[in-house]
Amino acid sequence: MQLFRTNKADIDFDRLHYGVIKLHETKENSGFGEQIIITVKNLYQMKIRSEKQIAMVLGLSRNQVKSLLEKGEIELVMELPLSISFSISHCLFSMVT
């Protein structure tokens, strides 16, 4: 990205093709049952909304993810420039994947 900033080049993010690769998942037990923590790394700091990244991982639409976030069924655990982490109940995760 620094190369593009230095040369004042614009990136057309709408036409950029990218994918998500699952490396691993972590399961945690909490008072609300088993949770799965998923971390999505964005090493190149592409401007992709967290809802879109979650939707890509779960195979849902961005609107479905937004609704699940509002209901508290998915929780955004951490959002950093290089990665996001979110948790989802094991039962719900099994239904969407």
C-alpha atoms as a PDB file:
ATOM      1  CA  MET A   1       0.000   0.000   0.000  1.00  0.00           C
ATOM      2  CA  GLN A   2       2.892   2.346   0.742  1.00  0.00           C
ATOM      3  CA  LEU A   3       4.001   2.008  -2.883  1.00  0.00           C
ATOM      4  CA  PHE A   4       0.607   3.258  -4.054  1.00  0.00           C
ATOM      5  CA  ARG A   5       0.556   6.149  -1.558  1.00  0.00           C
ATOM      6  CA  THR A   6       4.087   7.219  -2.451  1.00  0.00           C
ATOM      7  CA  ASN A   7       3.236   7.296  -6.141  1.00  0.00           C
ATOM      8  CA  LYS A   8      -0.216   8.805  -5.517  1.00  0.00           C
ATOM      9  CA  ALA A   9      -1.890   5.928  -7.334  1.00  0.00           C
ATOM     10  CA  ASP A  10      -5.541   5.064  -6.737  1.00  0.00           C
ATOM     11  CA  ILE A  11      -6.699   1.496  -6.233  1.00  0.00           C
ATOM     12  CA  ASP A  12     -10.140   0.581  -7.515  1.00  0.00           C
ATOM     13  CA  PHE A  13     -11.205  -1.591  -4.559  1.00  0.00           C
ATOM     14  CA  ASP A  14     -14.563  -2.341  -6.210  1.00  0.00           C
ATOM     15  CA  ARG A  15     -12.819  -4.187  -9.024  1.00  0.00           C
ATOM     16  CA  LEU A  16     -10.186  -5.857  -6.856  1.00  0.00           C
ATOM     17  CA  HIS A  17     -10.618  -9.628  -6.575  1.00  0.00           C
ATOM     18  CA  TYR A  18      -9.690 -11.298  -3.310  1.00  0.00           C
ATOM     19  CA  GLY A  19     -10.566 -14.352  -1.269  1.00  0.00           C
ATOM     20  CA  VAL A  20     -10.555 -15.663   2.270  1.00  0.00           C
ATOM     21  CA  ILE A  21      -8.492 -18.657   3.360  1.00  0.00           C
ATOM     22  CA  LYS A  22      -9.378 -20.444   6.608  1.00  0.00           C
ATOM     23  CA  LEU A  23      -6.250 -21.140   8.629  1.00  0.00           C
ATOM     24  CA  HIS A  24      -7.802 -22.285  11.918  1.00  0.00           C
ATOM     25  CA  GLU A  25     -10.645 -21.687  14.357  1.00  0.00           C
ATOM     26  CA  THR A  26     -10.712 -21.570  18.143  1.00  0.00           C
ATOM     27  CA  LYS A  27     -13.485 -22.890  20.361  1.00  0.00           C
ATOM     28  CA  GLU A  28     -14.129 -21.414  23.806  1.00  0.00           C
ATOM     29  CA  ASN A  29     -16.609 -22.357  26.495  1.00  0.00           C
ATOM     30  CA  SER A  30     -18.441 -19.450  28.090  1.00  0.00           C
ATOM     31  CA  GLY A  31     -21.508 -19.025  30.270  1.00  0.00           C
ATOM     32  CA  PHE A  32     -23.546 -18.923  27.056  1.00  0.00           C
ATOM     33  CA  GLY A  33     -22.271 -22.216  25.628  1.00  0.00           C
ATOM     34  CA  GLU A  34     -19.501 -23.016  23.250  1.00  0.00           C
ATOM     35  CA  GLN A  35     -18.301 -20.075  21.142  1.00  0.00           C
ATOM     36  CA  ILE A  36     -16.136 -20.148  18.043  1.00  0.00           C
ATOM     37  CA  ILE A  37     -13.649 -17.302  17.697  1.00  0.00           C
ATOM     38  CA  ILE A  38     -12.684 -16.520  14.111  1.00  0.00           C
ATOM     39  CA  THR A  39      -9.919 -14.100  13.139  1.00  0.00           C
ATOM     40  CA  VAL A  40      -9.705 -12.623   9.653  1.00  0.00           C
ATOM     41  CA  LYS A  41      -6.329 -11.139   8.740  1.00  0.00           C
ATOM     42  CA  ASN A  42      -6.134  -8.220   6.341  1.00  0.00           C
ATOM     43  CA  LEU A  43      -2.371  -7.932   5.899  1.00  0.00           C
ATOM     44  CA  TYR A  44      -2.585  -5.387   3.087  1.00  0.00           C
ATOM     45  CA  GLN A  45      -5.069  -3.203   4.996  1.00  0.00           C
ATOM     46  CA  MET A  46      -7.577  -3.268   2.156  1.00  0.00           C
ATOM     47  CA  LYS A  47     -10.638  -1.158   2.900  1.00  0.00           C
ATOM     48  CA  ILE A  48     -13.152  -3.954   3.370  1.00  0.00           C
ATOM     49  CA  ARG A  49     -15.965  -3.533   5.897  1.00  0.00           C
ATOM     50  CA  SER A  50     -15.841  -5.922   8.839  1.00  0.00           C
ATOM     51  CA  GLU A  51     -19.396  -7.087   8.015  1.00  0.00           C
ATOM     52  CA  LYS A  52     -18.264  -8.028   4.508  1.00  0.00           C
ATOM     53  CA  GLN A  53     -15.249  -9.943   5.822  1.00  0.00           C
ATOM     54  CA  ILE A  54     -17.461 -11.869   8.257  1.00  0.00           C
ATOM     55  CA  ALA A  55     -20.011 -12.521   5.494  1.00  0.00           C
ATOM     56  CA  MET A  56     -17.294 -13.981   3.264  1.00  0.00           C
ATOM     57  CA  VAL A  57     -16.130 -16.350   6.013  1.00  0.00           C
ATOM     58  CA  LEU A  58     -19.638 -17.507   6.955  1.00  0.00           C
ATOM     59  CA  GLY A  59     -21.081 -17.564   3.429  1.00  0.00           C
ATOM     60  CA  LEU A  60     -23.825 -15.081   4.329  1.00  0.00           C
ATOM     61  CA  SER A  61     -24.880 -11.740   2.891  1.00  0.00           C
ATOM     62  CA  ARG A  62     -23.600  -8.545   4.506  1.00  0.00           C
ATOM     63  CA  ASN A  63     -27.180  -7.684   5.530  1.00  0.00           C
ATOM     64  CA  GLN A  64     -27.581 -11.061   7.263  1.00  0.00           C
ATOM     65  CA  VAL A  65     -24.344 -10.478   9.171  1.00  0.00           C
ATOM     66  CA  LYS A  66     -25.418  -6.959  10.097  1.00  0.00           C
ATOM     67  CA  SER A  67     -28.685  -8.353  11.484  1.00  0.00           C
ATOM     68  CA  LEU A  68     -26.845 -11.048  13.484  1.00  0.00           C
ATOM     69  CA  LEU A  69     -24.484  -8.402  14.883  1.00  0.00           C
ATOM     70  CA  GLU A  70     -27.434  -6.233  15.937  1.00  0.00           C
ATOM     71  CA  LYS A  71     -29.117  -9.235  17.636  1.00  0.00           C
ATOM     72  CA  GLY A  72     -25.874 -10.073  19.447  1.00  0.00           C
ATOM     73  CA  GLU A  73     -25.632 -13.509  17.813  1.00  0.00           C
ATOM     74  CA  ILE A  74     -22.260 -12.521  16.367  1.00  0.00           C
ATOM     75  CA  GLU A  75     -19.942 -10.409  18.480  1.00  0.00           C
ATOM     76  CA  LEU A  76     -17.090  -8.362  17.065  1.00  0.00           C
ATOM     77  CA  VAL A  77     -14.318  -9.143  19.544  1.00  0.00           C
ATOM     78  CA  MET A  78     -11.483  -7.069  18.129  1.00  0.00           C
ATOM     79  CA  GLU A  79     -11.009  -4.788  15.159  1.00  0.00           C
ATOM     80  CA  LEU A  80      -7.462  -3.751  14.262  1.00  0.00           C
ATOM     81  CA  PRO A  81      -5.993  -2.396  11.031  1.00  0.00           C
ATOM     82  CA  LEU A  82      -4.542  -5.806  10.134  1.00  0.00           C
ATOM     83  CA  SER A  83      -7.270  -8.136  11.436  1.00  0.00           C
ATOM     84  CA  ILE A  84     -10.711  -8.564  12.943  1.00  0.00           C
ATOM     85  CA  SER A  85     -11.880 -11.244  15.368  1.00  0.00           C
ATOM     86  CA  PHE A  86     -15.476 -12.212  15.962  1.00  0.00           C
ATOM     87  CA  SER A  87     -17.290 -14.839  17.983  1.00  0.00           C
ATOM     88  CA  ILE A  88     -20.328 -16.867  17.051  1.00  0.00           C
ATOM     89  CA  SER A  89     -22.100 -19.618  18.962  1.00  0.00           C
ATOM     90  CA  HIS A  90     -21.133 -23.137  17.957  1.00  0.00           C
ATOM     91  CA  CYS A  91     -24.784 -23.989  17.176  1.00  0.00           C
ATOM     92  CA  LEU A  92     -25.259 -20.985  14.883  1.00  0.00           C
ATOM     93  CA  PHE A  93     -21.872 -21.574  13.217  1.00  0.00           C
ATOM     94  CA  SER A  94     -22.872 -25.155  12.396  1.00  0.00           C
ATOM     95  CA  MET A  95     -26.080 -23.927  10.750  1.00  0.00           C
ATOM     96  CA  VAL A  96     -24.429 -21.302   8.523  1.00  0.00           C
ATOM     97  CA  THR A  97     -21.389 -23.270   7.354  1.00  0.00           C
END
